[in-house]
Amino acid sequence: MITGNETAAPRSPIVERLIGAMGEPDHLIKSARSLGLRALPAIRESLNEQVSYPIEIEMEEVSLARMADARRAGVDNDALVVASSATSPDALMLIADSDAIALLVSALFGGNPELPVSPIERPLTTIELDLASVVFEAAAKALNGSGVRALSIKFPMQSAISGKDLRKLVIRDGPAVRISFTLMAPSGEGRFTVMMPQRVLLLHRGDASAAVAEQEQPGEVWRERFGEEVMRSSVKLVATVPLARMTLGDISRMFVGQVIEMSENAPTSTKLSARRKPLFTCEFGRLGQNYTVQITEPYDAGKEFMAGLVPAKQ
């Protein structure tokens, strides 16, 4: 069944700009349905490689929604994970209800496929959340696709959450599409849902001509669509200065207020990093009363590895 709430209210371009709604409903439904149908065989195959008896998966519904609707009111034992991508911190939101988790647990751990699974009415355990995370990642990889129209999901994804962590989750609201799947076996059935912001769907799947243009001129498309936002992002720079070599015994005897001297032949180079990723090799120094680092060259991991193979001069 494919549905949409596009007839719920007349469209207002001004309101759409304020609340973030975008895209023609028919076009969004068609794009989301195509994405779900394309990913369905890969999701089915990946899941059934891990379970002891087959689970059938069917796409049940495609509809328009809001991202805030992903968390069901009054339900604490859904499993949920937010997947980020190169273009969005919430490119996908994947949710499985407790019935789906119960079915997966039975199938994974060799339950009898002819006996009904017991519903889960308590908070999900760590093992159940770990299992949900495995299924979520397999589904996200299938939805991600490849080539110029890939969603660019970042793997590995975060662990699934439930219970109090789910209640505390802050969801950035906005117009979305909902793709619902049903998991079925003789032992029971459950529901698995994918929520995607409309802006993400339109960016990667909304226009075939845009994909062709992106393939022909990737640099221009990147600068036009993402360059301004990316360049405004702020990161923390960290410069690490090599100090000295010490034994574990010396370190264990350190105390507050101790002054550690740097030898005359101590390395003067330092690595400038952002988010734990080395970017440049720099020289450490001073300018007036301020300590400084001067960029000398881009960081070369291979060069550092080779230098580490050569014993340092005493």
C-alpha atoms as a PDB file:
ATOM      1  CA  MET A   1       0.000   0.000   0.000  1.00  0.00           C
ATOM      2  CA  ILE A   2       1.425   3.368  -1.020  1.00  0.00           C
ATOM      3  CA  THR A   3      -0.098   6.415   0.635  1.00  0.00           C
ATOM      4  CA  GLY A   4       0.645  10.083   1.123  1.00  0.00           C
ATOM      5  CA  ASN A   5      -0.775  12.927   3.184  1.00  0.00           C
ATOM      6  CA  GLU A   6      -0.345  15.459   0.413  1.00  0.00           C
ATOM      7  CA  THR A   7      -4.079  16.298   0.393  1.00  0.00           C
ATOM      8  CA  ALA A   8      -4.202  17.110   4.110  1.00  0.00           C
ATOM      9  CA  ALA A   9      -3.836  20.854   3.537  1.00  0.00           C
ATOM     10  CA  PRO A  10      -3.366  23.292   0.639  1.00  0.00           C
ATOM     11  CA  ARG A  11       0.273  24.096  -0.092  1.00  0.00           C
ATOM     12  CA  SER A  12       1.653  27.489   0.901  1.00  0.00           C
ATOM     13  CA  PRO A  13       5.109  28.424  -0.448  1.00  0.00           C
ATOM     14  CA  ILE A  14       5.635  30.940   2.379  1.00  0.00           C
ATOM     15  CA  VAL A  15       4.800  28.414   5.097  1.00  0.00           C
ATOM     16  CA  GLU A  16       6.942  25.803   3.362  1.00  0.00           C
ATOM     17  CA  ARG A  17       9.956  28.082   3.565  1.00  0.00           C
ATOM     18  CA  LEU A  18       9.353  28.658   7.279  1.00  0.00           C
ATOM     19  CA  ILE A  19       8.826  25.033   8.324  1.00  0.00           C
ATOM     20  CA  GLY A  20      11.132  23.435   5.779  1.00  0.00           C
ATOM     21  CA  ALA A  21       8.559  21.538   3.707  1.00  0.00           C
ATOM     22  CA  MET A  22       9.751  20.952   0.185  1.00  0.00           C
ATOM     23  CA  GLY A  23       9.134  18.875  -2.896  1.00  0.00           C
ATOM     24  CA  GLU A  24       6.047  17.792  -4.800  1.00  0.00           C
ATOM     25  CA  PRO A  25       4.202  15.053  -2.852  1.00  0.00           C
ATOM     26  CA  ASP A  26       3.759  12.771  -5.871  1.00  0.00           C
ATOM     27  CA  HIS A  27       7.413  13.115  -6.803  1.00  0.00           C
ATOM     28  CA  LEU A  28       8.555  12.432  -3.223  1.00  0.00           C
ATOM     29  CA  ILE A  29       6.364   9.341  -2.890  1.00  0.00           C
ATOM     30  CA  LYS A  30       7.593   7.980  -6.216  1.00  0.00           C
ATOM     31  CA  SER A  31      11.266   8.589  -5.354  1.00  0.00           C
ATOM     32  CA  ALA A  32      10.938   7.035  -1.885  1.00  0.00           C
ATOM     33  CA  ARG A  33       9.095   4.021  -3.261  1.00  0.00           C
ATOM     34  CA  SER A  34      11.806   3.462  -5.885  1.00  0.00           C
ATOM     35  CA  LEU A  35      14.495   3.686  -3.214  1.00  0.00           C
ATOM     36  CA  GLY A  36      12.720   1.168  -0.968  1.00  0.00           C
ATOM     37  CA  LEU A  37      12.059  -1.313  -3.768  1.00  0.00           C
ATOM     38  CA  ARG A  38      15.654  -1.106  -4.973  1.00  0.00           C
ATOM     39  CA  ALA A  39      17.033  -1.747  -1.485  1.00  0.00           C
ATOM     40  CA  LEU A  40      14.533  -4.464  -0.524  1.00  0.00           C
ATOM     41  CA  PRO A  41      16.297  -7.480  -2.140  1.00  0.00           C
ATOM     42  CA  ALA A  42      19.636  -6.532  -0.559  1.00  0.00           C
ATOM     43  CA  ILE A  43      18.026  -6.068   2.879  1.00  0.00           C
ATOM     44  CA  ARG A  44      16.260  -9.429   2.567  1.00  0.00           C
ATOM     45  CA  GLU A  45      19.420 -11.234   1.474  1.00  0.00           C
ATOM     46  CA  SER A  46      21.640  -9.667   4.153  1.00  0.00           C
ATOM     47  CA  LEU A  47      19.172 -10.446   6.934  1.00  0.00           C
ATOM     48  CA  ASN A  48      18.539 -14.062   5.920  1.00  0.00           C
ATOM     49  CA  GLU A  49      22.266 -14.786   5.789  1.00  0.00           C
ATOM     50  CA  GLN A  50      22.356 -14.333   9.566  1.00  0.00           C
ATOM     51  CA  VAL A  51      19.210 -16.057  10.838  1.00  0.00           C
ATOM     52  CA  SER A  52      18.400 -19.741  11.368  1.00  0.00           C
ATOM     53  CA  TYR A  53      15.062 -19.701   9.527  1.00  0.00           C
ATOM     54  CA  PRO A  54      13.878 -17.455   6.688  1.00  0.00           C
ATOM     55  CA  ILE A  55      12.176 -14.143   7.378  1.00  0.00           C
ATOM     56  CA  GLU A  56      10.153 -12.547   4.612  1.00  0.00           C
ATOM     57  CA  ILE A  57      10.349  -8.765   4.242  1.00  0.00           C
ATOM     58  CA  GLU A  58       7.845  -6.705   2.295  1.00  0.00           C
ATOM     59  CA  MET A  59       7.539  -2.967   1.784  1.00  0.00           C
ATOM     60  CA  GLU A  60       4.243  -2.084   3.398  1.00  0.00           C
ATOM     61  CA  GLU A  61       3.769   1.665   3.021  1.00  0.00           C
ATOM     62  CA  VAL A  62       5.406   4.840   1.731  1.00  0.00           C
ATOM     63  CA  SER A  63       4.078   8.122   3.066  1.00  0.00           C
ATOM     64  CA  LEU A  64       4.970  11.717   3.881  1.00  0.00           C
ATOM     65  CA  ALA A  65       5.701  12.483   7.515  1.00  0.00           C
ATOM     66  CA  ARG A  66       7.717  14.627   9.912  1.00  0.00           C
ATOM     67  CA  MET A  67      11.036  13.514  11.401  1.00  0.00           C
ATOM     68  CA  ALA A  68       9.619  14.059  14.903  1.00  0.00           C
ATOM     69  CA  ASP A  69       7.070  11.289  14.197  1.00  0.00           C
ATOM     70  CA  ALA A  70       9.867   8.678  14.220  1.00  0.00           C
ATOM     71  CA  ARG A  71       9.615   8.342  17.999  1.00  0.00           C
ATOM     72  CA  ARG A  72       6.245   6.897  18.934  1.00  0.00           C
ATOM     73  CA  ALA A  73       4.593   8.568  21.899  1.00  0.00           C
ATOM     74  CA  GLY A  74       4.383   6.360  24.988  1.00  0.00           C
ATOM     75  CA  VAL A  75       6.528   3.560  23.486  1.00  0.00           C
ATOM     76  CA  ASP A  76       9.903   3.002  25.163  1.00  0.00           C
ATOM     77  CA  ASN A  77      10.997  -0.358  23.761  1.00  0.00           C
ATOM     78  CA  ASP A  78      11.383   0.525  20.110  1.00  0.00           C
ATOM     79  CA  ALA A  79      14.971   0.337  18.862  1.00  0.00           C
ATOM     80  CA  LEU A  80      16.186   3.405  16.963  1.00  0.00           C
ATOM     81  CA  VAL A  81      19.396   4.573  15.329  1.00  0.00           C
ATOM     82  CA  VAL A  82      20.278   7.810  13.550  1.00  0.00           C
ATOM     83  CA  ALA A  83      22.649   7.454  10.593  1.00  0.00           C
ATOM     84  CA  SER A  84      24.674  10.465   9.451  1.00  0.00           C
ATOM     85  CA  SER A  85      26.075  11.069   5.993  1.00  0.00           C
ATOM     86  CA  ALA A  86      28.512  13.359   4.263  1.00  0.00           C
ATOM     87  CA  THR A  87      25.681  15.826   3.638  1.00  0.00           C
ATOM     88  CA  SER A  88      23.410  15.464   6.685  1.00  0.00           C
ATOM     89  CA  PRO A  89      23.739  14.530  10.380  1.00  0.00           C
ATOM     90  CA  ASP A  90      20.384  12.731  10.195  1.00  0.00           C
ATOM     91  CA  ALA A  91      20.293  11.297   6.686  1.00  0.00           C
ATOM     92  CA  LEU A  92      18.433   8.184   7.877  1.00  0.00           C
ATOM     93  CA  MET A  93      16.511   7.252  10.993  1.00  0.00           C
ATOM     94  CA  LEU A  94      15.816   3.525  11.344  1.00  0.00           C
ATOM     95  CA  ILE A  95      13.266   2.170  13.832  1.00  0.00           C
ATOM     96  CA  ALA A  96      12.232  -1.387  14.705  1.00  0.00           C
ATOM     97  CA  ASP A  97       9.342  -2.178  17.031  1.00  0.00           C
ATOM     98  CA  SER A  98       9.663  -4.736  19.832  1.00  0.00           C
ATOM     99  CA  ASP A  99       7.759  -7.365  17.820  1.00  0.00           C
ATOM    100  CA  ALA A 100      10.390  -7.166  15.082  1.00  0.00           C
ATOM    101  CA  ILE A 101      13.167  -7.450  17.682  1.00  0.00           C
ATOM    102  CA  ALA A 102      11.503 -10.517  19.241  1.00  0.00           C
ATOM    103  CA  LEU A 103      11.231 -12.174  15.829  1.00  0.00           C
ATOM    104  CA  LEU A 104      14.882 -11.425  15.022  1.00  0.00           C
ATOM    105  CA  VAL A 105      16.058 -12.803  18.373  1.00  0.00           C
ATOM    106  CA  SER A 106      14.138 -16.026  17.802  1.00  0.00           C
ATOM    107  CA  ALA A 107      15.458 -16.436  14.263  1.00  0.00           C
ATOM    108  CA  LEU A 108      19.043 -15.584  15.150  1.00  0.00           C
ATOM    109  CA  PHE A 109      19.338 -17.873  18.161  1.00  0.00           C
ATOM    110  CA  GLY A 110      17.688 -20.905  16.604  1.00  0.00           C
ATOM    111  CA  GLY A 111      14.129 -20.627  17.878  1.00  0.00           C
ATOM    112  CA  ASN A 112      11.414 -22.917  16.605  1.00  0.00           C
ATOM    113  CA  PRO A 113       9.885 -21.219  13.545  1.00  0.00           C
ATOM    114  CA  GLU A 114       6.538 -22.945  14.200  1.00  0.00           C
ATOM    115  CA  LEU A 115       6.151 -21.574  17.737  1.00  0.00           C
ATOM    116  CA  PRO A 116       4.880 -18.001  18.222  1.00  0.00           C
ATOM    117  CA  VAL A 117       7.516 -15.672  19.650  1.00  0.00           C
ATOM    118  CA  SER A 118       6.802 -14.053  22.989  1.00  0.00           C
ATOM    119  CA  PRO A 119       6.178 -10.298  22.735  1.00  0.00           C
ATOM    120  CA  ILE A 120       8.733  -8.025  24.401  1.00  0.00           C
ATOM    121  CA  GLU A 121       6.938  -5.787  26.882  1.00  0.00           C
ATOM    122  CA  ARG A 122      10.018  -4.814  28.906  1.00  0.00           C
ATOM    123  CA  PRO A 123      12.981  -2.525  28.093  1.00  0.00           C
ATOM    124  CA  LEU A 124      15.278  -3.990  25.452  1.00  0.00           C
ATOM    125  CA  THR A 125      18.493  -5.619  26.652  1.00  0.00           C
ATOM    126  CA  THR A 126      21.996  -4.798  25.440  1.00  0.00           C
ATOM    127  CA  ILE A 127      22.098  -7.995  23.379  1.00  0.00           C
ATOM    128  CA  GLU A 128      18.789  -7.137  21.712  1.00  0.00           C
ATOM    129  CA  LEU A 129      20.031  -3.629  20.895  1.00  0.00           C
ATOM    130  CA  ASP A 130      23.281  -5.045  19.498  1.00  0.00           C
ATOM    131  CA  LEU A 131      21.226  -7.335  17.275  1.00  0.00           C
ATOM    132  CA  ALA A 132      19.110  -4.394  16.140  1.00  0.00           C
ATOM    133  CA  SER A 133      22.286  -2.447  15.320  1.00  0.00           C
ATOM    134  CA  VAL A 134      23.497  -5.260  13.035  1.00  0.00           C
ATOM    135  CA  VAL A 135      20.182  -5.313  11.172  1.00  0.00           C
ATOM    136  CA  PHE A 136      20.062  -1.507  10.972  1.00  0.00           C
ATOM    137  CA  GLU A 137      23.550  -1.331   9.469  1.00  0.00           C
ATOM    138  CA  ALA A 138      22.714  -3.966   6.867  1.00  0.00           C
ATOM    139  CA  ALA A 139      19.564  -2.039   5.905  1.00  0.00           C
ATOM    140  CA  ALA A 140      21.439   1.274   5.766  1.00  0.00           C
ATOM    141  CA  LYS A 141      24.091  -0.221   3.457  1.00  0.00           C
ATOM    142  CA  ALA A 142      21.365  -1.451   1.125  1.00  0.00           C
ATOM    143  CA  LEU A 143      19.644   1.948   1.129  1.00  0.00           C
ATOM    144  CA  ASN A 144      22.954   3.782   0.723  1.00  0.00           C
ATOM    145  CA  GLY A 145      23.551   2.492  -2.793  1.00  0.00           C
ATOM    146  CA  SER A 146      26.641   3.350  -4.791  1.00  0.00           C
ATOM    147  CA  GLY A 147      27.905   5.715  -7.449  1.00  0.00           C
ATOM    148  CA  VAL A 148      27.073   9.391  -7.832  1.00  0.00           C
ATOM    149  CA  ARG A 149      23.612   8.943  -6.293  1.00  0.00           C
ATOM    150  CA  ALA A 150      24.775   7.161  -3.155  1.00  0.00           C
ATOM    151  CA  LEU A 151      23.545   8.611   0.144  1.00  0.00           C
ATOM    152  CA  SER A 152      27.150   8.643   1.467  1.00  0.00           C
ATOM    153  CA  ILE A 153      26.133   7.129   4.827  1.00  0.00           C
ATOM    154  CA  LYS A 154      28.983   7.011   7.345  1.00  0.00           C
ATOM    155  CA  PHE A 155      29.878   3.523   8.547  1.00  0.00           C
ATOM    156  CA  PRO A 156      30.134   2.089  11.126  1.00  0.00           C
ATOM    157  CA  MET A 157      26.932   3.588  12.440  1.00  0.00           C
ATOM    158  CA  GLN A 158      26.098   4.395  16.052  1.00  0.00           C
ATOM    159  CA  SER A 159      24.598   1.718  18.281  1.00  0.00           C
ATOM    160  CA  ALA A 160      20.819   1.439  18.491  1.00  0.00           C
ATOM    161  CA  ILE A 161      19.149   3.047  21.488  1.00  0.00           C
ATOM    162  CA  SER A 162      15.943   2.400  23.414  1.00  0.00           C
ATOM    163  CA  GLY A 163      14.288   3.190  26.743  1.00  0.00           C
ATOM    164  CA  LYS A 164      15.555   6.289  28.554  1.00  0.00           C
ATOM    165  CA  ASP A 165      18.136   7.012  25.846  1.00  0.00           C
ATOM    166  CA  LEU A 166      15.336   7.057  23.290  1.00  0.00           C
ATOM    167  CA  ARG A 167      13.294   9.428  25.456  1.00  0.00           C
ATOM    168  CA  LYS A 168      16.257  11.806  25.773  1.00  0.00           C
ATOM    169  CA  LEU A 169      17.053  11.804  22.045  1.00  0.00           C
ATOM    170  CA  VAL A 170      16.703  15.257  20.478  1.00  0.00           C
ATOM    171  CA  ILE A 171      15.243  14.878  16.990  1.00  0.00           C
ATOM    172  CA  ARG A 172      15.640  17.709  14.510  1.00  0.00           C
ATOM    173  CA  ASP A 173      12.151  18.058  13.088  1.00  0.00           C
ATOM    174  CA  GLY A 174      11.464  18.615   9.432  1.00  0.00           C
ATOM    175  CA  PRO A 175       9.548  17.195   6.466  1.00  0.00           C
ATOM    176  CA  ALA A 176      10.342  13.546   5.844  1.00  0.00           C
ATOM    177  CA  VAL A 177       9.332  10.440   3.962  1.00  0.00           C
ATOM    178  CA  ARG A 178       8.484   7.218   5.808  1.00  0.00           C
ATOM    179  CA  ILE A 179       9.192   3.806   4.277  1.00  0.00           C
ATOM    180  CA  SER A 180       7.655   0.984   6.307  1.00  0.00           C
ATOM    181  CA  PHE A 181       8.620  -2.677   5.993  1.00  0.00           C
ATOM    182  CA  THR A 182       6.934  -5.733   7.497  1.00  0.00           C
ATOM    183  CA  LEU A 183       9.004  -8.688   8.739  1.00  0.00           C
ATOM    184  CA  MET A 184       7.053 -11.960   8.579  1.00  0.00           C
ATOM    185  CA  ALA A 185       7.642 -15.574   9.575  1.00  0.00           C
ATOM    186  CA  PRO A 186       5.428 -18.411  10.861  1.00  0.00           C
ATOM    187  CA  SER A 187       6.570 -17.494  14.371  1.00  0.00           C
ATOM    188  CA  GLY A 188       5.386 -13.875  14.172  1.00  0.00           C
ATOM    189  CA  GLU A 189       5.800 -10.519  12.506  1.00  0.00           C
ATOM    190  CA  GLY A 190       7.046  -7.035  13.266  1.00  0.00           C
ATOM    191  CA  ARG A 191       7.569  -3.639  11.701  1.00  0.00           C
ATOM    192  CA  PHE A 192      10.710  -1.909  10.540  1.00  0.00           C
ATOM    193  CA  THR A 193      10.590   1.761   9.503  1.00  0.00           C
ATOM    194  CA  VAL A 194      12.974   4.090   7.703  1.00  0.00           C
ATOM    195  CA  MET A 195      12.589   7.866   8.030  1.00  0.00           C
ATOM    196  CA  MET A 196      14.491  10.167   5.676  1.00  0.00           C
ATOM    197  CA  PRO A 197      14.429  13.975   5.469  1.00  0.00           C
ATOM    198  CA  GLN A 198      12.855  15.132   2.233  1.00  0.00           C
ATOM    199  CA  ARG A 199      15.894  17.330   1.538  1.00  0.00           C
ATOM    200  CA  VAL A 200      18.158  14.246   1.615  1.00  0.00           C
ATOM    201  CA  LEU A 201      15.866  12.255  -0.667  1.00  0.00           C
ATOM    202  CA  LEU A 202      15.604  15.100  -3.168  1.00  0.00           C
ATOM    203  CA  LEU A 203      19.335  15.721  -3.110  1.00  0.00           C
ATOM    204  CA  HIS A 204      20.295  12.136  -3.917  1.00  0.00           C
ATOM    205  CA  ARG A 205      17.221  10.599  -5.543  1.00  0.00           C
ATOM    206  CA  GLY A 206      14.918  13.433  -6.521  1.00  0.00           C
ATOM    207  CA  ASP A 207      16.140  14.330  -9.986  1.00  0.00           C
ATOM    208  CA  ALA A 208      17.887  12.058 -12.468  1.00  0.00           C
ATOM    209  CA  SER A 209      19.171  15.033 -14.437  1.00  0.00           C
ATOM    210  CA  ALA A 210      20.851  16.384 -11.323  1.00  0.00           C
ATOM    211  CA  ALA A 211      22.620  13.065 -10.923  1.00  0.00           C
ATOM    212  CA  VAL A 212      23.868  13.272 -14.497  1.00  0.00           C
ATOM    213  CA  ALA A 213      25.085  16.832 -13.951  1.00  0.00           C
ATOM    214  CA  GLU A 214      26.815  15.752 -10.752  1.00  0.00           C
ATOM    215  CA  GLN A 215      28.564  12.969 -12.661  1.00  0.00           C
ATOM    216  CA  GLU A 216      29.638  15.339 -15.415  1.00  0.00           C
ATOM    217  CA  GLN A 217      30.723  18.228 -13.182  1.00  0.00           C
ATOM    218  CA  PRO A 218      31.279  16.903  -9.650  1.00  0.00           C
ATOM    219  CA  GLY A 219      33.429  19.843  -8.579  1.00  0.00           C
ATOM    220  CA  GLU A 220      30.934  22.488  -9.668  1.00  0.00           C
ATOM    221  CA  VAL A 221      27.962  20.671  -8.158  1.00  0.00           C
ATOM    222  CA  TRP A 222      29.800  20.175  -4.855  1.00  0.00           C
ATOM    223  CA  ARG A 223      30.752  23.847  -4.596  1.00  0.00           C
ATOM    224  CA  GLU A 224      27.272  25.003  -5.528  1.00  0.00           C
ATOM    225  CA  ARG A 225      25.326  22.718  -3.183  1.00  0.00           C
ATOM    226  CA  PHE A 226      27.544  22.073  -0.212  1.00  0.00           C
ATOM    227  CA  GLY A 227      30.589  24.313  -0.382  1.00  0.00           C
ATOM    228  CA  GLU A 228      29.147  27.268   1.496  1.00  0.00           C
ATOM    229  CA  GLU A 229      27.733  25.171   4.349  1.00  0.00           C
ATOM    230  CA  VAL A 230      30.885  23.083   4.696  1.00  0.00           C
ATOM    231  CA  MET A 231      33.188  26.095   4.722  1.00  0.00           C
ATOM    232  CA  ARG A 232      31.148  27.666   7.533  1.00  0.00           C
ATOM    233  CA  SER A 233      31.559  24.607   9.742  1.00  0.00           C
ATOM    234  CA  SER A 234      33.926  25.098  12.681  1.00  0.00           C
ATOM    235  CA  VAL A 235      36.374  22.511  14.007  1.00  0.00           C
ATOM    236  CA  LYS A 236      38.824  22.561  16.906  1.00  0.00           C
ATOM    237  CA  LEU A 237      42.501  22.544  15.951  1.00  0.00           C
ATOM    238  CA  VAL A 238      44.950  20.696  18.205  1.00  0.00           C
ATOM    239  CA  ALA A 239      48.748  20.966  17.957  1.00  0.00           C
ATOM    240  CA  THR A 240      50.627  18.123  19.648  1.00  0.00           C
ATOM    241  CA  VAL A 241      54.251  18.800  20.642  1.00  0.00           C
ATOM    242  CA  PRO A 242      56.669  15.850  21.120  1.00  0.00           C
ATOM    243  CA  LEU A 243      58.046  16.292  24.630  1.00  0.00           C
ATOM    244  CA  ALA A 244      60.295  13.479  25.819  1.00  0.00           C
ATOM    245  CA  ARG A 245      60.608   9.722  26.240  1.00  0.00           C
ATOM    246  CA  MET A 246      59.954   8.432  29.773  1.00  0.00           C
ATOM    247  CA  THR A 247      59.584   5.075  31.432  1.00  0.00           C
ATOM    248  CA  LEU A 248      56.298   3.991  32.939  1.00  0.00           C
ATOM    249  CA  GLY A 249      57.984   4.174  36.328  1.00  0.00           C
ATOM    250  CA  ASP A 250      58.877   7.845  35.786  1.00  0.00           C
ATOM    251  CA  ILE A 251      55.309   8.601  34.716  1.00  0.00           C
ATOM    252  CA  SER A 252      53.889   6.849  37.793  1.00  0.00           C
ATOM    253  CA  ARG A 253      55.950   9.174  40.027  1.00  0.00           C
ATOM    254  CA  MET A 254      54.714  12.413  38.436  1.00  0.00           C
ATOM    255  CA  PHE A 255      53.046  14.957  40.718  1.00  0.00           C
ATOM    256  CA  VAL A 256      51.043  18.146  40.366  1.00  0.00           C
ATOM    257  CA  GLY A 257      53.344  21.119  39.799  1.00  0.00           C
ATOM    258  CA  GLN A 258      56.228  19.089  38.406  1.00  0.00           C
ATOM    259  CA  VAL A 259      58.192  20.800  35.610  1.00  0.00           C
ATOM    260  CA  ILE A 260      59.232  18.553  32.728  1.00  0.00           C
ATOM    261  CA  GLU A 261      62.226  19.827  30.801  1.00  0.00           C
ATOM    262  CA  MET A 262      62.610  19.491  27.058  1.00  0.00           C
ATOM    263  CA  SER A 263      66.044  18.370  25.919  1.00  0.00           C
ATOM    264  CA  GLU A 264      68.066  20.511  23.521  1.00  0.00           C
ATOM    265  CA  ASN A 265      67.649  17.977  20.732  1.00  0.00           C
ATOM    266  CA  ALA A 266      63.913  17.483  21.332  1.00  0.00           C
ATOM    267  CA  PRO A 267      61.861  17.410  18.088  1.00  0.00           C
ATOM    268  CA  THR A 268      60.653  20.840  17.045  1.00  0.00           C
ATOM    269  CA  SER A 269      57.947  19.608  14.694  1.00  0.00           C
ATOM    270  CA  THR A 270      54.339  19.195  15.728  1.00  0.00           C
ATOM    271  CA  LYS A 271      51.200  17.739  14.129  1.00  0.00           C
ATOM    272  CA  LEU A 272      48.168  19.949  13.630  1.00  0.00           C
ATOM    273  CA  SER A 273      44.978  17.877  13.914  1.00  0.00           C
ATOM    274  CA  ALA A 274      41.222  18.361  13.700  1.00  0.00           C
ATOM    275  CA  ARG A 275      38.826  15.765  15.084  1.00  0.00           C
ATOM    276  CA  ARG A 276      41.782  13.431  15.721  1.00  0.00           C
ATOM    277  CA  LYS A 277      42.802  13.526  12.050  1.00  0.00           C
ATOM    278  CA  PRO A 278      46.316  14.914  11.403  1.00  0.00           C
ATOM    279  CA  LEU A 279      46.233  17.647   8.780  1.00  0.00           C
ATOM    280  CA  PHE A 280      49.660  19.343   8.677  1.00  0.00           C
ATOM    281  CA  THR A 281      53.200  19.024   9.992  1.00  0.00           C
ATOM    282  CA  CYS A 282      54.226  22.262  11.700  1.00  0.00           C
ATOM    283  CA  GLU A 283      57.192  23.924  13.411  1.00  0.00           C
ATOM    284  CA  PHE A 284      56.740  24.947  17.033  1.00  0.00           C
ATOM    285  CA  GLY A 285      57.964  28.423  18.048  1.00  0.00           C
ATOM    286  CA  ARG A 286      57.160  31.807  19.584  1.00  0.00           C
ATOM    287  CA  LEU A 287      56.094  35.166  18.257  1.00  0.00           C
ATOM    288  CA  GLY A 288      56.542  37.818  20.923  1.00  0.00           C
ATOM    289  CA  GLN A 289      54.706  36.586  24.010  1.00  0.00           C
ATOM    290  CA  ASN A 290      52.670  34.013  22.086  1.00  0.00           C
ATOM    291  CA  TYR A 291      53.486  30.403  21.259  1.00  0.00           C
ATOM    292  CA  THR A 292      52.984  29.596  17.588  1.00  0.00           C
ATOM    293  CA  VAL A 293      52.965  26.757  15.083  1.00  0.00           C
ATOM    294  CA  GLN A 294      54.010  27.355  11.484  1.00  0.00           C
ATOM    295  CA  ILE A 295      52.665  25.002   8.825  1.00  0.00           C
ATOM    296  CA  THR A 296      55.503  23.407   6.895  1.00  0.00           C
ATOM    297  CA  GLU A 297      53.829  20.696   4.819  1.00  0.00           C
ATOM    298  CA  PRO A 298      50.675  18.532   4.588  1.00  0.00           C
ATOM    299  CA  TYR A 299      50.735  15.570   6.958  1.00  0.00           C
ATOM    300  CA  ASP A 300      52.109  12.417   5.308  1.00  0.00           C
ATOM    301  CA  ALA A 301      51.289   9.222   7.228  1.00  0.00           C
ATOM    302  CA  GLY A 302      53.620   7.155   5.051  1.00  0.00           C
ATOM    303  CA  LYS A 303      56.538   9.493   5.699  1.00  0.00           C
ATOM    304  CA  GLU A 304      55.934   9.378   9.462  1.00  0.00           C
ATOM    305  CA  PHE A 305      55.802   5.574   9.362  1.00  0.00           C
ATOM    306  CA  MET A 306      59.127   5.374   7.546  1.00  0.00           C
ATOM    307  CA  ALA A 307      60.681   7.847   9.955  1.00  0.00           C
ATOM    308  CA  GLY A 308      59.540   5.692  12.862  1.00  0.00           C
ATOM    309  CA  LEU A 309      61.474   2.735  11.447  1.00  0.00           C
ATOM    310  CA  VAL A 310      64.755   4.664  11.738  1.00  0.00           C
ATOM    311  CA  PRO A 311      66.131   4.885  15.306  1.00  0.00           C
ATOM    312  CA  ALA A 312      66.264   8.436  16.598  1.00  0.00           C
ATOM    313  CA  LYS A 313      69.717   9.958  16.912  1.00  0.00           C
ATOM    314  CA  GLN A 314      70.974  10.265  20.473  1.00  0.00           C
END
